[in-house]
Amino acid sequence: MRPHPSPVARRSTDGAGECALIAAVLRQAMLDMHARRREVRQAAVAFWADARAVGFWADLLDCDVAQLQRAVQRGAGGRQAL
């Protein structure tokens, strides 16, 4: 009888699923910058301005925090709050 593979062993080897999930989370954070509710917009701007918070996600994507923040700022229309 063969042992069941661990959940880690069943993960995709190319990481596409993980990257898609991370992208969805970051996309929502970008969309929140244009939300109708002011508190949602403020939370999104605060998130993107927080290098530690963005750094967590940037590390998962293996990209530079400042580069990710600049890309988001460009996508948000160059808001100075970032």
N, C-alpha and C. Protein backbone atom coordinates (compact mmCIF):
# COMPACT_ATOMS: atom_id res chain seq x y z
N MET A 1 0.84 -1.17 0.00
CA MET A 1 0.00 0.00 0.00
C MET A 1 0.89 1.25 0.00
N ARG A 2 0.63 2.14 -0.94
CA ARG A 2 1.41 3.37 -1.04
C ARG A 2 0.83 4.43 -0.12
N PRO A 3 1.70 5.21 0.53
CA PRO A 3 1.20 6.30 1.38
C PRO A 3 0.61 7.42 0.53
N HIS A 4 -0.34 8.13 1.09
CA HIS A 4 -0.94 9.26 0.39
C HIS A 4 0.07 10.40 0.31
N PRO A 5 0.13 11.07 -0.82
CA PRO A 5 1.06 12.20 -0.92
C PRO A 5 0.62 13.34 -0.01
N SER A 6 1.59 14.07 0.48
CA SER A 6 1.28 15.20 1.35
C SER A 6 0.66 16.33 0.52
N PRO A 7 -0.06 17.26 1.18
CA PRO A 7 -0.62 18.39 0.43
C PRO A 7 0.45 19.18 -0.32
N VAL A 8 1.64 19.27 0.26
CA VAL A 8 2.72 19.99 -0.41
C VAL A 8 3.13 19.27 -1.69
N ALA A 9 3.15 17.96 -1.65
CA ALA A 9 3.54 17.20 -2.83
C ALA A 9 2.51 17.33 -3.95
N ARG A 10 1.26 17.62 -3.60
CA ARG A 10 0.22 17.76 -4.62
C ARG A 10 0.17 19.15 -5.23
N ARG A 11 0.93 20.09 -4.69
CA ARG A 11 0.94 21.44 -5.26
C ARG A 11 1.46 21.41 -6.68
N SER A 12 0.99 22.36 -7.47
CA SER A 12 1.48 22.43 -8.84
C SER A 12 2.97 22.75 -8.81
N THR A 13 3.69 22.16 -9.73
CA THR A 13 5.14 22.35 -9.75
C THR A 13 5.52 23.68 -10.39
N ASP A 14 4.66 24.21 -11.24
CA ASP A 14 5.02 25.47 -11.90
C ASP A 14 4.56 26.70 -11.13
N GLY A 15 3.73 26.54 -10.12
CA GLY A 15 3.29 27.66 -9.31
C GLY A 15 2.23 28.54 -9.95
N ALA A 16 1.67 28.12 -11.07
CA ALA A 16 0.69 28.96 -11.77
C ALA A 16 -0.54 29.23 -10.91
N GLY A 17 -1.01 28.24 -10.21
CA GLY A 17 -2.18 28.43 -9.36
C GLY A 17 -1.92 29.41 -8.24
N GLU A 18 -0.75 29.29 -7.63
CA GLU A 18 -0.39 30.19 -6.55
C GLU A 18 -0.26 31.62 -7.07
N CYS A 19 0.36 31.78 -8.22
CA CYS A 19 0.52 33.12 -8.81
C CYS A 19 -0.84 33.72 -9.17
N ALA A 20 -1.75 32.90 -9.66
CA ALA A 20 -3.08 33.39 -10.00
C ALA A 20 -3.82 33.87 -8.75
N LEU A 21 -3.68 33.15 -7.66
CA LEU A 21 -4.32 33.55 -6.41
C LEU A 21 -3.73 34.87 -5.90
N ILE A 22 -2.42 34.98 -5.91
CA ILE A 22 -1.75 36.21 -5.47
C ILE A 22 -2.19 37.37 -6.36
N ALA A 23 -2.24 37.14 -7.65
CA ALA A 23 -2.65 38.19 -8.58
C ALA A 23 -4.08 38.64 -8.30
N ALA A 24 -4.96 37.70 -7.97
CA ALA A 24 -6.35 38.05 -7.67
C ALA A 24 -6.45 38.91 -6.41
N VAL A 25 -5.66 38.57 -5.41
CA VAL A 25 -5.66 39.36 -4.17
C VAL A 25 -5.15 40.77 -4.44
N LEU A 26 -4.05 40.88 -5.17
CA LEU A 26 -3.48 42.19 -5.46
C LEU A 26 -4.38 43.00 -6.39
N ARG A 27 -5.03 42.33 -7.31
CA ARG A 27 -5.97 43.01 -8.22
C ARG A 27 -7.11 43.62 -7.41
N GLN A 28 -7.64 42.87 -6.46
CA GLN A 28 -8.72 43.41 -5.64
C GLN A 28 -8.24 44.60 -4.83
N ALA A 29 -7.03 44.54 -4.33
CA ALA A 29 -6.48 45.67 -3.58
C ALA A 29 -6.35 46.90 -4.48
N MET A 30 -6.04 46.68 -5.74
CA MET A 30 -5.98 47.81 -6.69
C MET A 30 -7.37 48.36 -6.96
N LEU A 31 -8.33 47.46 -7.17
CA LEU A 31 -9.71 47.90 -7.43
C LEU A 31 -10.27 48.66 -6.24
N ASP A 32 -9.89 48.26 -5.05
CA ASP A 32 -10.37 48.93 -3.84
C ASP A 32 -9.94 50.39 -3.79
N MET A 33 -8.89 50.74 -4.49
CA MET A 33 -8.44 52.13 -4.51
C MET A 33 -9.45 53.03 -5.22
N HIS A 34 -10.37 52.43 -5.96
CA HIS A 34 -11.40 53.18 -6.69
C HIS A 34 -12.80 52.87 -6.15
N ALA A 35 -12.87 52.29 -4.98
CA ALA A 35 -14.16 51.92 -4.39
C ALA A 35 -14.99 53.15 -4.06
N ARG A 36 -16.28 52.96 -3.98
CA ARG A 36 -17.17 54.07 -3.63
C ARG A 36 -17.01 54.48 -2.18
N ARG A 37 -16.84 53.51 -1.32
CA ARG A 37 -16.74 53.80 0.11
C ARG A 37 -15.35 54.34 0.44
N ARG A 38 -15.34 55.49 1.08
CA ARG A 38 -14.08 56.16 1.40
C ARG A 38 -13.17 55.29 2.26
N GLU A 39 -13.73 54.59 3.25
CA GLU A 39 -12.90 53.78 4.14
C GLU A 39 -12.22 52.62 3.40
N VAL A 40 -12.88 52.10 2.37
CA VAL A 40 -12.27 51.04 1.56
C VAL A 40 -11.11 51.62 0.76
N ARG A 41 -11.32 52.79 0.17
CA ARG A 41 -10.24 53.46 -0.58
C ARG A 41 -9.07 53.77 0.34
N GLN A 42 -9.36 54.30 1.51
CA GLN A 42 -8.29 54.65 2.45
C GLN A 42 -7.50 53.42 2.88
N ALA A 43 -8.19 52.32 3.13
CA ALA A 43 -7.51 51.08 3.52
C ALA A 43 -6.62 50.57 2.39
N ALA A 44 -7.11 50.68 1.16
CA ALA A 44 -6.32 50.23 0.01
C ALA A 44 -5.07 51.09 -0.17
N VAL A 45 -5.22 52.38 -0.06
CA VAL A 45 -4.07 53.29 -0.21
C VAL A 45 -3.07 53.02 0.91
N ALA A 46 -3.58 52.82 2.12
CA ALA A 46 -2.68 52.52 3.25
C ALA A 46 -1.94 51.20 3.03
N PHE A 47 -2.65 50.21 2.49
CA PHE A 47 -2.01 48.93 2.21
C PHE A 47 -0.86 49.11 1.22
N TRP A 48 -1.12 49.78 0.11
CA TRP A 48 -0.09 49.94 -0.92
C TRP A 48 1.06 50.81 -0.47
N ALA A 49 0.82 51.68 0.50
CA ALA A 49 1.89 52.53 1.02
C ALA A 49 2.74 51.81 2.06
N ASP A 50 2.26 50.69 2.56
CA ASP A 50 2.96 49.93 3.60
C ASP A 50 3.93 48.94 2.96
N ALA A 51 5.21 49.26 3.01
CA ALA A 51 6.23 48.42 2.37
C ALA A 51 6.26 47.00 2.94
N ARG A 52 5.97 46.85 4.23
CA ARG A 52 5.98 45.50 4.83
C ARG A 52 4.82 44.66 4.29
N ALA A 53 3.64 45.27 4.19
CA ALA A 53 2.48 44.53 3.69
C ALA A 53 2.68 44.15 2.22
N VAL A 54 3.12 45.12 1.44
CA VAL A 54 3.36 44.84 0.02
C VAL A 54 4.53 43.88 -0.12
N GLY A 55 5.51 44.00 0.77
CA GLY A 55 6.68 43.12 0.73
C GLY A 55 6.32 41.65 0.90
N PHE A 56 5.32 41.37 1.73
CA PHE A 56 4.87 39.99 1.91
C PHE A 56 4.45 39.39 0.56
N TRP A 57 3.61 40.14 -0.17
CA TRP A 57 3.12 39.65 -1.46
C TRP A 57 4.21 39.68 -2.52
N ALA A 58 5.06 40.70 -2.48
CA ALA A 58 6.16 40.78 -3.44
C ALA A 58 7.12 39.61 -3.27
N ASP A 59 7.38 39.22 -2.02
CA ASP A 59 8.24 38.06 -1.78
C ASP A 59 7.65 36.79 -2.38
N LEU A 60 6.34 36.65 -2.27
CA LEU A 60 5.69 35.47 -2.85
C LEU A 60 5.82 35.44 -4.37
N LEU A 61 5.86 36.63 -4.97
CA LEU A 61 6.02 36.72 -6.42
C LEU A 61 7.48 36.83 -6.84
N ASP A 62 8.36 36.93 -5.85
CA ASP A 62 9.79 37.09 -6.10
C ASP A 62 10.06 38.34 -6.94
N CYS A 63 9.46 39.46 -6.50
CA CYS A 63 9.72 40.73 -7.18
C CYS A 63 10.04 41.80 -6.15
N ASP A 64 10.57 42.90 -6.61
CA ASP A 64 10.99 44.00 -5.76
C ASP A 64 9.79 44.79 -5.25
N VAL A 65 9.77 45.09 -3.96
CA VAL A 65 8.65 45.83 -3.34
C VAL A 65 8.45 47.18 -4.01
N ALA A 66 9.51 47.94 -4.16
CA ALA A 66 9.41 49.27 -4.75
C ALA A 66 8.89 49.19 -6.18
N GLN A 67 9.34 48.18 -6.91
CA GLN A 67 8.89 48.00 -8.29
C GLN A 67 7.39 47.71 -8.33
N LEU A 68 6.92 46.86 -7.43
CA LEU A 68 5.50 46.54 -7.36
C LEU A 68 4.69 47.78 -6.97
N GLN A 69 5.17 48.55 -5.99
CA GLN A 69 4.47 49.77 -5.59
C GLN A 69 4.41 50.78 -6.74
N ARG A 70 5.50 50.93 -7.48
CA ARG A 70 5.50 51.86 -8.62
C ARG A 70 4.52 51.41 -9.70
N ALA A 71 4.47 50.11 -9.96
CA ALA A 71 3.54 49.60 -10.96
C ALA A 71 2.09 49.86 -10.54
N VAL A 72 1.81 49.68 -9.28
CA VAL A 72 0.46 49.94 -8.78
C VAL A 72 0.15 51.43 -8.87
N GLN A 73 1.12 52.26 -8.53
CA GLN A 73 0.91 53.70 -8.60
C GLN A 73 0.60 54.12 -10.04
N ARG A 74 1.34 53.58 -11.00
CA ARG A 74 1.05 53.88 -12.40
C ARG A 74 -0.35 53.41 -12.78
N GLY A 75 -0.71 52.21 -12.32
CA GLY A 75 -2.04 51.67 -12.62
C GLY A 75 -3.16 52.44 -11.97
N ALA A 76 -2.86 53.11 -10.86
CA ALA A 76 -3.86 53.89 -10.14
C ALA A 76 -3.93 55.33 -10.65
N GLY A 77 -3.23 55.62 -11.69
CA GLY A 77 -3.26 56.96 -12.24
C GLY A 77 -2.26 57.90 -11.58
N GLY A 78 -1.22 57.33 -10.97
CA GLY A 78 -0.17 58.15 -10.38
C GLY A 78 -0.55 58.85 -9.11
N ARG A 79 -1.45 58.26 -8.33
CA ARG A 79 -1.85 58.89 -7.07
C ARG A 79 -0.63 59.14 -6.20
N GLN A 80 -0.58 60.32 -5.66
CA GLN A 80 0.55 60.72 -4.83
C GLN A 80 0.54 60.03 -3.45
N ALA A 81 -0.61 59.49 -3.05
CA ALA A 81 -0.72 58.88 -1.72
C ALA A 81 0.19 57.69 -1.56
N LEU A 82 0.61 57.09 -2.66
CA LEU A 82 1.52 55.95 -2.58
C LEU A 82 2.91 56.49 -2.48
